[in-house]
Amino acid sequence: MKTLTHRFLSLAAITFAGLALSSCSTVGLGPSGAGEYSGTTIDSSNLPLIRKTTVAVFAEKGFQLDGSADYGIIRFVKQGSGSAQAAWGSNLNRNPVMVRPEVRITPLGPKTQLICNVYMTQESEVFGEDSKKPHLLGKAGYSSLMSTIRKRVEAAE
């Protein structure tokens, strides 16, 4: 009986860990629980400064703009590291895993909310682009980026 209970608890722990690290996009981990990966609220409504600072902070971490930075959403891209390839890539696909953060900028009167969602993508000649949304892995790094943006903008005001 003790062995059966131990196995059940082990299976439950593995199942929970798998769900926590999965790419299921319904789990909300951001500040408002709406499915975002990370976010912050800035005590500023200076949108040009916020956009410029956001681009600069992400560029410092090796990200490039992915398309144009429109008024409300800025998309970035960079090739994932070896660990990203191991965690998110397919063994049968030689294309690199790409990290694609997307920052949504929402004015809230005298404040502005930044929400960052991150997608891990891998191009496939057979199936098109495979996109996964990590929920826990690397979240602290993006929370730090959001905090850096907030601090720089608020210091510049």
N, C-alpha and C. Protein backbone atom coordinates (compact mmCIF):
# COMPACT_ATOMS: atom_id res chain seq x y z
N MET A 1 0.83 -1.19 0.00
CA MET A 1 0.00 0.00 0.00
C MET A 1 0.87 1.25 0.00
N LYS A 2 1.95 1.22 0.79
CA LYS A 2 2.84 2.37 0.87
C LYS A 2 3.48 2.64 -0.49
N THR A 3 3.89 1.60 -1.20
CA THR A 3 4.50 1.74 -2.52
C THR A 3 3.49 2.30 -3.52
N LEU A 4 2.25 1.85 -3.46
CA LEU A 4 1.21 2.34 -4.36
C LEU A 4 0.96 3.83 -4.11
N THR A 5 0.89 4.24 -2.86
CA THR A 5 0.70 5.65 -2.52
C THR A 5 1.87 6.47 -3.01
N HIS A 6 3.09 5.96 -2.80
CA HIS A 6 4.29 6.66 -3.25
C HIS A 6 4.28 6.84 -4.77
N ARG A 7 3.91 5.80 -5.49
CA ARG A 7 3.85 5.88 -6.95
C ARG A 7 2.79 6.88 -7.40
N PHE A 8 1.64 6.85 -6.73
CA PHE A 8 0.57 7.78 -7.08
C PHE A 8 1.02 9.22 -6.87
N LEU A 9 1.66 9.49 -5.72
CA LEU A 9 2.14 10.84 -5.44
C LEU A 9 3.22 11.26 -6.43
N SER A 10 4.09 10.35 -6.80
CA SER A 10 5.12 10.66 -7.79
C SER A 10 4.50 10.99 -9.14
N LEU A 11 3.52 10.19 -9.55
CA LEU A 11 2.84 10.43 -10.81
C LEU A 11 2.10 11.77 -10.77
N ALA A 12 1.46 12.07 -9.66
CA ALA A 12 0.75 13.34 -9.52
C ALA A 12 1.73 14.51 -9.60
N ALA A 13 2.89 14.40 -8.97
CA ALA A 13 3.90 15.47 -9.02
C ALA A 13 4.42 15.67 -10.43
N ILE A 14 4.68 14.58 -11.14
CA ILE A 14 5.16 14.67 -12.51
C ILE A 14 4.09 15.29 -13.41
N THR A 15 2.85 14.89 -13.21
CA THR A 15 1.75 15.43 -14.01
C THR A 15 1.61 16.93 -13.76
N PHE A 16 1.66 17.34 -12.49
CA PHE A 16 1.56 18.77 -12.16
C PHE A 16 2.71 19.55 -12.78
N ALA A 17 3.92 19.03 -12.68
CA ALA A 17 5.09 19.72 -13.25
C ALA A 17 4.92 19.85 -14.76
N GLY A 18 4.45 18.79 -15.40
CA GLY A 18 4.24 18.84 -16.84
C GLY A 18 3.21 19.88 -17.23
N LEU A 19 2.13 19.96 -16.48
CA LEU A 19 1.11 20.96 -16.76
C LEU A 19 1.63 22.37 -16.51
N ALA A 20 2.40 22.55 -15.46
CA ALA A 20 2.94 23.87 -15.14
C ALA A 20 3.91 24.36 -16.20
N LEU A 21 4.64 23.46 -16.81
CA LEU A 21 5.63 23.84 -17.81
C LEU A 21 5.13 23.70 -19.23
N SER A 22 3.89 23.30 -19.39
CA SER A 22 3.36 23.06 -20.75
C SER A 22 3.10 24.36 -21.48
N SER A 23 2.74 24.21 -22.74
CA SER A 23 2.46 25.38 -23.56
C SER A 23 0.97 25.68 -23.65
N CYS A 24 0.20 25.16 -22.75
CA CYS A 24 -1.23 25.41 -22.73
C CYS A 24 -1.48 26.89 -22.43
N SER A 25 -2.16 27.60 -23.31
CA SER A 25 -2.22 29.05 -23.21
C SER A 25 -3.37 29.58 -22.37
N THR A 26 -3.99 28.78 -21.54
CA THR A 26 -5.10 29.29 -20.75
C THR A 26 -4.70 29.68 -19.34
N VAL A 27 -3.48 29.43 -18.94
CA VAL A 27 -3.05 29.75 -17.59
C VAL A 27 -2.62 31.20 -17.54
N GLY A 28 -3.17 31.99 -16.62
CA GLY A 28 -2.80 33.39 -16.49
C GLY A 28 -1.77 33.57 -15.38
N LEU A 29 -0.60 34.06 -15.73
CA LEU A 29 0.44 34.25 -14.73
C LEU A 29 0.85 35.69 -14.58
N GLY A 30 0.32 36.58 -15.36
CA GLY A 30 0.73 37.97 -15.31
C GLY A 30 -0.02 38.73 -14.23
N PRO A 31 0.16 40.05 -14.20
CA PRO A 31 -0.39 40.85 -13.12
C PRO A 31 -1.91 40.85 -13.03
N SER A 32 -2.62 40.74 -14.14
CA SER A 32 -4.08 40.76 -14.04
C SER A 32 -4.69 39.39 -14.25
N GLY A 33 -3.86 38.37 -14.43
CA GLY A 33 -4.36 37.02 -14.57
C GLY A 33 -5.06 36.75 -15.89
N ALA A 34 -4.81 37.55 -16.91
CA ALA A 34 -5.51 37.40 -18.18
C ALA A 34 -4.72 36.61 -19.20
N GLY A 35 -3.76 35.82 -18.77
CA GLY A 35 -3.00 35.00 -19.69
C GLY A 35 -1.66 35.58 -20.07
N GLU A 36 -1.30 36.73 -19.54
CA GLU A 36 -0.03 37.33 -19.90
C GLU A 36 1.12 36.70 -19.13
N TYR A 37 2.29 36.81 -19.70
CA TYR A 37 3.49 36.19 -19.14
C TYR A 37 4.09 37.07 -18.06
N SER A 38 4.18 38.36 -18.33
CA SER A 38 4.75 39.30 -17.38
C SER A 38 4.23 40.69 -17.70
N GLY A 39 4.27 41.58 -16.75
CA GLY A 39 3.80 42.94 -17.02
C GLY A 39 4.14 43.90 -15.90
N THR A 40 3.87 45.17 -16.17
CA THR A 40 4.11 46.21 -15.18
C THR A 40 3.22 47.40 -15.51
N THR A 41 3.03 48.26 -14.54
CA THR A 41 2.32 49.52 -14.76
C THR A 41 3.31 50.64 -14.49
N ILE A 42 3.40 51.57 -15.44
CA ILE A 42 4.36 52.66 -15.38
C ILE A 42 3.63 53.94 -15.02
N ASP A 43 4.19 54.72 -14.11
CA ASP A 43 3.62 56.01 -13.74
C ASP A 43 4.02 57.06 -14.76
N SER A 44 3.54 56.88 -15.98
CA SER A 44 3.81 57.80 -17.08
C SER A 44 2.82 57.52 -18.19
N SER A 45 2.48 58.56 -18.94
CA SER A 45 1.64 58.39 -20.13
C SER A 45 2.40 58.84 -21.37
N ASN A 46 3.72 58.99 -21.25
CA ASN A 46 4.58 59.42 -22.36
C ASN A 46 4.85 58.22 -23.27
N LEU A 47 3.93 57.95 -24.19
CA LEU A 47 4.02 56.75 -25.03
C LEU A 47 5.26 56.71 -25.92
N PRO A 48 5.68 57.82 -26.53
CA PRO A 48 6.92 57.75 -27.32
C PRO A 48 8.13 57.34 -26.47
N LEU A 49 8.24 57.87 -25.26
CA LEU A 49 9.34 57.50 -24.36
C LEU A 49 9.24 56.03 -23.96
N ILE A 50 8.05 55.57 -23.67
CA ILE A 50 7.84 54.17 -23.27
C ILE A 50 8.21 53.23 -24.42
N ARG A 51 7.77 53.54 -25.63
CA ARG A 51 8.12 52.70 -26.78
C ARG A 51 9.63 52.69 -27.01
N LYS A 52 10.24 53.87 -26.99
CA LYS A 52 11.69 53.98 -27.21
C LYS A 52 12.47 53.20 -26.15
N THR A 53 12.07 53.32 -24.91
CA THR A 53 12.74 52.61 -23.80
C THR A 53 12.53 51.11 -23.92
N THR A 54 11.35 50.68 -24.28
CA THR A 54 11.06 49.25 -24.44
C THR A 54 11.96 48.64 -25.52
N VAL A 55 12.06 49.30 -26.65
CA VAL A 55 12.91 48.81 -27.74
C VAL A 55 14.37 48.76 -27.28
N ALA A 56 14.83 49.79 -26.58
CA ALA A 56 16.23 49.84 -26.12
C ALA A 56 16.54 48.72 -25.13
N VAL A 57 15.65 48.49 -24.18
CA VAL A 57 15.88 47.45 -23.16
C VAL A 57 15.92 46.07 -23.80
N PHE A 58 15.00 45.78 -24.70
CA PHE A 58 15.01 44.48 -25.37
C PHE A 58 16.24 44.34 -26.27
N ALA A 59 16.65 45.42 -26.93
CA ALA A 59 17.84 45.37 -27.79
C ALA A 59 19.09 45.04 -26.97
N GLU A 60 19.16 45.54 -25.76
CA GLU A 60 20.30 45.24 -24.87
C GLU A 60 20.40 43.75 -24.57
N LYS A 61 19.32 43.03 -24.68
CA LYS A 61 19.30 41.58 -24.45
C LYS A 61 19.37 40.79 -25.75
N GLY A 62 19.69 41.46 -26.85
CA GLY A 62 19.89 40.77 -28.11
C GLY A 62 18.67 40.62 -28.99
N PHE A 63 17.55 41.24 -28.61
CA PHE A 63 16.34 41.14 -29.42
C PHE A 63 16.33 42.19 -30.51
N GLN A 64 15.73 41.84 -31.63
CA GLN A 64 15.53 42.77 -32.73
C GLN A 64 14.03 42.96 -32.92
N LEU A 65 13.67 44.10 -33.49
CA LEU A 65 12.26 44.30 -33.81
C LEU A 65 11.83 43.27 -34.85
N ASP A 66 10.67 42.71 -34.66
CA ASP A 66 10.10 41.75 -35.59
C ASP A 66 8.94 42.44 -36.30
N GLY A 67 9.24 43.11 -37.39
CA GLY A 67 8.24 43.92 -38.06
C GLY A 67 8.29 45.33 -37.50
N SER A 68 7.27 46.09 -37.76
CA SER A 68 7.26 47.47 -37.29
C SER A 68 6.67 47.53 -35.88
N ALA A 69 7.13 48.52 -35.14
CA ALA A 69 6.60 48.74 -33.80
C ALA A 69 5.38 49.64 -33.93
N ASP A 70 4.20 49.05 -33.97
CA ASP A 70 3.02 49.89 -34.12
C ASP A 70 2.68 50.54 -32.79
N TYR A 71 1.62 51.29 -32.78
CA TYR A 71 1.30 52.11 -31.62
C TYR A 71 1.07 51.30 -30.35
N GLY A 72 0.40 50.16 -30.45
CA GLY A 72 0.03 49.43 -29.25
C GLY A 72 0.78 48.15 -28.97
N ILE A 73 1.48 47.59 -29.97
CA ILE A 73 2.18 46.31 -29.78
C ILE A 73 3.57 46.41 -30.41
N ILE A 74 4.56 45.95 -29.67
CA ILE A 74 5.92 45.87 -30.20
C ILE A 74 6.32 44.40 -30.14
N ARG A 75 6.75 43.87 -31.28
CA ARG A 75 7.16 42.46 -31.35
C ARG A 75 8.66 42.38 -31.55
N PHE A 76 9.28 41.43 -30.85
CA PHE A 76 10.72 41.23 -30.91
C PHE A 76 11.01 39.79 -31.29
N VAL A 77 12.26 39.53 -31.70
CA VAL A 77 12.66 38.18 -32.05
C VAL A 77 14.16 38.02 -31.83
N LYS A 78 14.56 36.83 -31.42
CA LYS A 78 15.96 36.43 -31.44
C LYS A 78 16.00 34.91 -31.43
N GLN A 79 17.12 34.38 -31.90
CA GLN A 79 17.28 32.93 -31.90
C GLN A 79 17.47 32.45 -30.48
N GLY A 80 16.80 31.36 -30.14
CA GLY A 80 16.90 30.81 -28.80
C GLY A 80 18.25 30.17 -28.56
N SER A 81 18.59 30.03 -27.31
CA SER A 81 19.85 29.41 -26.91
C SER A 81 19.76 27.89 -27.08
N GLY A 82 20.84 27.21 -26.77
CA GLY A 82 20.84 25.75 -26.81
C GLY A 82 19.82 25.15 -25.87
N SER A 83 19.64 25.78 -24.71
CA SER A 83 18.65 25.26 -23.76
C SER A 83 17.23 25.47 -24.29
N ALA A 84 16.99 26.58 -24.99
CA ALA A 84 15.67 26.80 -25.60
C ALA A 84 15.42 25.76 -26.69
N GLN A 85 16.47 25.45 -27.43
CA GLN A 85 16.35 24.44 -28.48
C GLN A 85 16.01 23.08 -27.87
N ALA A 86 16.68 22.75 -26.76
CA ALA A 86 16.43 21.47 -26.09
C ALA A 86 15.02 21.41 -25.50
N ALA A 87 14.57 22.51 -24.90
CA ALA A 87 13.27 22.53 -24.23
C ALA A 87 12.10 22.65 -25.19
N TRP A 88 12.26 23.42 -26.26
CA TRP A 88 11.12 23.77 -27.10
C TRP A 88 11.22 23.25 -28.53
N GLY A 89 12.40 22.78 -28.93
CA GLY A 89 12.57 22.34 -30.30
C GLY A 89 12.17 20.90 -30.52
N SER A 90 12.05 20.55 -31.78
CA SER A 90 11.76 19.17 -32.16
C SER A 90 13.05 18.51 -32.60
N ASN A 91 13.26 17.29 -32.18
CA ASN A 91 14.45 16.55 -32.58
C ASN A 91 14.48 16.27 -34.07
N LEU A 92 13.34 16.28 -34.71
CA LEU A 92 13.25 15.97 -36.13
C LEU A 92 13.33 17.22 -37.00
N ASN A 93 13.43 18.38 -36.39
CA ASN A 93 13.42 19.65 -37.11
C ASN A 93 14.73 20.38 -36.84
N ARG A 94 15.49 20.68 -37.88
CA ARG A 94 16.79 21.33 -37.71
C ARG A 94 16.69 22.85 -37.64
N ASN A 95 15.52 23.41 -37.88
CA ASN A 95 15.36 24.86 -37.80
C ASN A 95 15.50 25.31 -36.35
N PRO A 96 16.08 26.49 -36.14
CA PRO A 96 16.27 26.96 -34.76
C PRO A 96 14.97 27.38 -34.10
N VAL A 97 14.95 27.28 -32.78
CA VAL A 97 13.84 27.82 -32.00
C VAL A 97 14.06 29.33 -31.91
N MET A 98 13.00 30.07 -32.17
CA MET A 98 13.05 31.53 -32.09
C MET A 98 12.23 31.98 -30.88
N VAL A 99 12.76 32.95 -30.16
CA VAL A 99 12.07 33.53 -29.01
C VAL A 99 11.40 34.81 -29.50
N ARG A 100 10.08 34.90 -29.31
CA ARG A 100 9.31 36.02 -29.85
C ARG A 100 8.47 36.69 -28.76
N PRO A 101 9.08 37.62 -28.01
CA PRO A 101 8.27 38.38 -27.06
C PRO A 101 7.41 39.43 -27.78
N GLU A 102 6.29 39.70 -27.20
CA GLU A 102 5.36 40.70 -27.73
C GLU A 102 4.94 41.58 -26.56
N VAL A 103 5.18 42.89 -26.66
CA VAL A 103 4.85 43.81 -25.58
C VAL A 103 3.66 44.66 -26.02
N ARG A 104 2.59 44.56 -25.25
CA ARG A 104 1.37 45.34 -25.52
C ARG A 104 1.39 46.56 -24.59
N ILE A 105 1.22 47.74 -25.19
CA ILE A 105 1.25 49.00 -24.45
C ILE A 105 -0.17 49.54 -24.39
N THR A 106 -0.68 49.72 -23.16
CA THR A 106 -2.06 50.17 -22.98
C THR A 106 -2.09 51.41 -22.09
N PRO A 107 -2.46 52.57 -22.65
CA PRO A 107 -2.58 53.78 -21.83
C PRO A 107 -3.73 53.63 -20.82
N LEU A 108 -3.47 54.06 -19.59
CA LEU A 108 -4.48 54.03 -18.53
C LEU A 108 -4.55 55.41 -17.87
N GLY A 109 -4.91 56.42 -18.62
CA GLY A 109 -4.92 57.78 -18.09
C GLY A 109 -3.49 58.25 -17.84
N PRO A 110 -3.15 58.60 -16.58
CA PRO A 110 -1.79 59.08 -16.30
C PRO A 110 -0.76 57.96 -16.20
N LYS A 111 -1.20 56.73 -16.31
CA LYS A 111 -0.30 55.58 -16.24
C LYS A 111 -0.37 54.79 -17.54
N THR A 112 0.55 53.85 -17.69
CA THR A 112 0.56 52.98 -18.86
C THR A 112 0.87 51.56 -18.41
N GLN A 113 0.14 50.61 -18.94
CA GLN A 113 0.36 49.20 -18.62
C GLN A 113 1.13 48.53 -19.75
N LEU A 114 2.17 47.78 -19.39
CA LEU A 114 2.91 46.97 -20.34
C LEU A 114 2.63 45.51 -20.02
N ILE A 115 2.24 44.75 -21.02
CA ILE A 115 2.02 43.31 -20.87
C ILE A 115 2.93 42.61 -21.86
N CYS A 116 3.71 41.67 -21.38
CA CYS A 116 4.63 40.92 -22.23
C CYS A 116 4.19 39.47 -22.31
N ASN A 117 3.98 39.01 -23.53
CA ASN A 117 3.73 37.60 -23.80
C ASN A 117 4.92 37.07 -24.59
N VAL A 118 5.29 35.85 -24.35
CA VAL A 118 6.46 35.26 -25.01
C VAL A 118 6.02 33.99 -25.72
N TYR A 119 6.51 33.83 -26.93
CA TYR A 119 6.20 32.64 -27.73
C TYR A 119 7.51 32.02 -28.20
N MET A 120 7.60 30.72 -28.10
CA MET A 120 8.73 29.97 -28.63
C MET A 120 8.25 29.35 -29.93
N THR A 121 8.93 29.67 -31.03
CA THR A 121 8.47 29.19 -32.33
C THR A 121 9.57 28.42 -33.04
N GLN A 122 9.16 27.51 -33.89
CA GLN A 122 10.10 26.76 -34.72
C GLN A 122 9.42 26.51 -36.06
N GLU A 123 10.07 26.96 -37.10
CA GLU A 123 9.55 26.80 -38.45
C GLU A 123 9.69 25.35 -38.89
N SER A 124 8.68 24.84 -39.60
CA SER A 124 8.71 23.48 -40.11
C SER A 124 8.30 23.49 -41.58
N GLU A 125 9.05 22.78 -42.41
CA GLU A 125 8.72 22.69 -43.83
C GLU A 125 7.43 21.91 -44.04
N VAL A 126 7.08 21.05 -43.11
CA VAL A 126 5.91 20.19 -43.26
C VAL A 126 4.67 20.80 -42.61
N PHE A 127 4.82 21.31 -41.38
CA PHE A 127 3.66 21.73 -40.60
C PHE A 127 3.53 23.25 -40.43
N GLY A 128 4.43 24.03 -41.02
CA GLY A 128 4.39 25.47 -40.82
C GLY A 128 5.10 25.82 -39.52
N GLU A 129 4.75 26.94 -38.93
CA GLU A 129 5.39 27.38 -37.70
C GLU A 129 4.69 26.79 -36.49
N ASP A 130 5.48 26.18 -35.61
CA ASP A 130 4.96 25.64 -34.35
C ASP A 130 5.22 26.69 -33.29
N SER A 131 4.20 27.12 -32.60
CA SER A 131 4.31 28.17 -31.60
C SER A 131 3.86 27.65 -30.25
N LYS A 132 4.70 27.87 -29.24
CA LYS A 132 4.37 27.44 -27.87
C LYS A 132 4.55 28.62 -26.94
N LYS A 133 3.74 28.65 -25.92
CA LYS A 133 3.79 29.75 -24.95
C LYS A 133 4.27 29.20 -23.62
N PRO A 134 5.52 29.50 -23.24
CA PRO A 134 6.01 29.01 -21.96
C PRO A 134 5.31 29.76 -20.82
N HIS A 135 5.12 29.09 -19.70
CA HIS A 135 4.44 29.74 -18.60
C HIS A 135 5.32 30.01 -17.39
N LEU A 136 6.27 29.18 -17.14
CA LEU A 136 7.11 29.39 -15.97
C LEU A 136 8.58 29.57 -16.33
N LEU A 137 9.05 28.84 -17.33
CA LEU A 137 10.45 28.90 -17.68
C LEU A 137 10.83 30.28 -18.19
N GLY A 138 11.79 30.93 -17.55
CA GLY A 138 12.27 32.22 -17.99
C GLY A 138 11.43 33.41 -17.60
N LYS A 139 10.37 33.20 -16.85
CA LYS A 139 9.47 34.30 -16.50
C LYS A 139 10.19 35.41 -15.74
N ALA A 140 11.10 35.04 -14.85
CA ALA A 140 11.81 36.04 -14.04
C ALA A 140 12.60 37.00 -14.93
N GLY A 141 13.19 36.49 -16.01
CA GLY A 141 13.95 37.35 -16.91
C GLY A 141 13.09 38.40 -17.57
N TYR A 142 11.88 38.04 -17.98
CA TYR A 142 10.99 39.01 -18.63
C TYR A 142 10.37 39.96 -17.59
N SER A 143 10.15 39.47 -16.38
CA SER A 143 9.69 40.36 -15.32
C SER A 143 10.75 41.42 -15.03
N SER A 144 12.01 41.00 -15.07
CA SER A 144 13.12 41.93 -14.87
C SER A 144 13.17 42.96 -16.00
N LEU A 145 12.96 42.54 -17.24
CA LEU A 145 12.93 43.49 -18.35
C LEU A 145 11.81 44.51 -18.17
N MET A 146 10.64 44.05 -17.77
CA MET A 146 9.51 44.96 -17.55
C MET A 146 9.83 45.96 -16.44
N SER A 147 10.46 45.48 -15.38
CA SER A 147 10.85 46.35 -14.26
C SER A 147 11.88 47.38 -14.70
N THR A 148 12.84 46.96 -15.52
CA THR A 148 13.87 47.88 -16.03
C THR A 148 13.23 48.98 -16.87
N ILE A 149 12.30 48.61 -17.73
CA ILE A 149 11.60 49.60 -18.55
C ILE A 149 10.88 50.60 -17.65
N ARG A 150 10.13 50.09 -16.67
CA ARG A 150 9.39 50.97 -15.76
C ARG A 150 10.32 51.94 -15.04
N LYS A 151 11.42 51.43 -14.48
CA LYS A 151 12.35 52.28 -13.74
C LYS A 151 12.98 53.35 -14.61
N ARG A 152 13.37 52.98 -15.83
CA ARG A 152 14.00 53.96 -16.73
C ARG A 152 13.03 55.05 -17.16
N VAL A 153 11.81 54.65 -17.49
CA VAL A 153 10.82 55.65 -17.91
C VAL A 153 10.49 56.58 -16.75
N GLU A 154 10.24 56.02 -15.58
CA GLU A 154 9.88 56.86 -14.44
C GLU A 154 11.03 57.77 -14.02
N ALA A 155 12.28 57.33 -14.18
CA ALA A 155 13.45 58.17 -13.85
C ALA A 155 13.60 59.29 -14.87
N ALA A 156 13.19 59.07 -16.11
CA ALA A 156 13.32 60.06 -17.17
C ALA A 156 12.21 61.13 -17.11
N GLU A 157 11.15 60.85 -16.40
CA GLU A 157 10.01 61.79 -16.32
C GLU A 157 10.32 62.96 -15.41
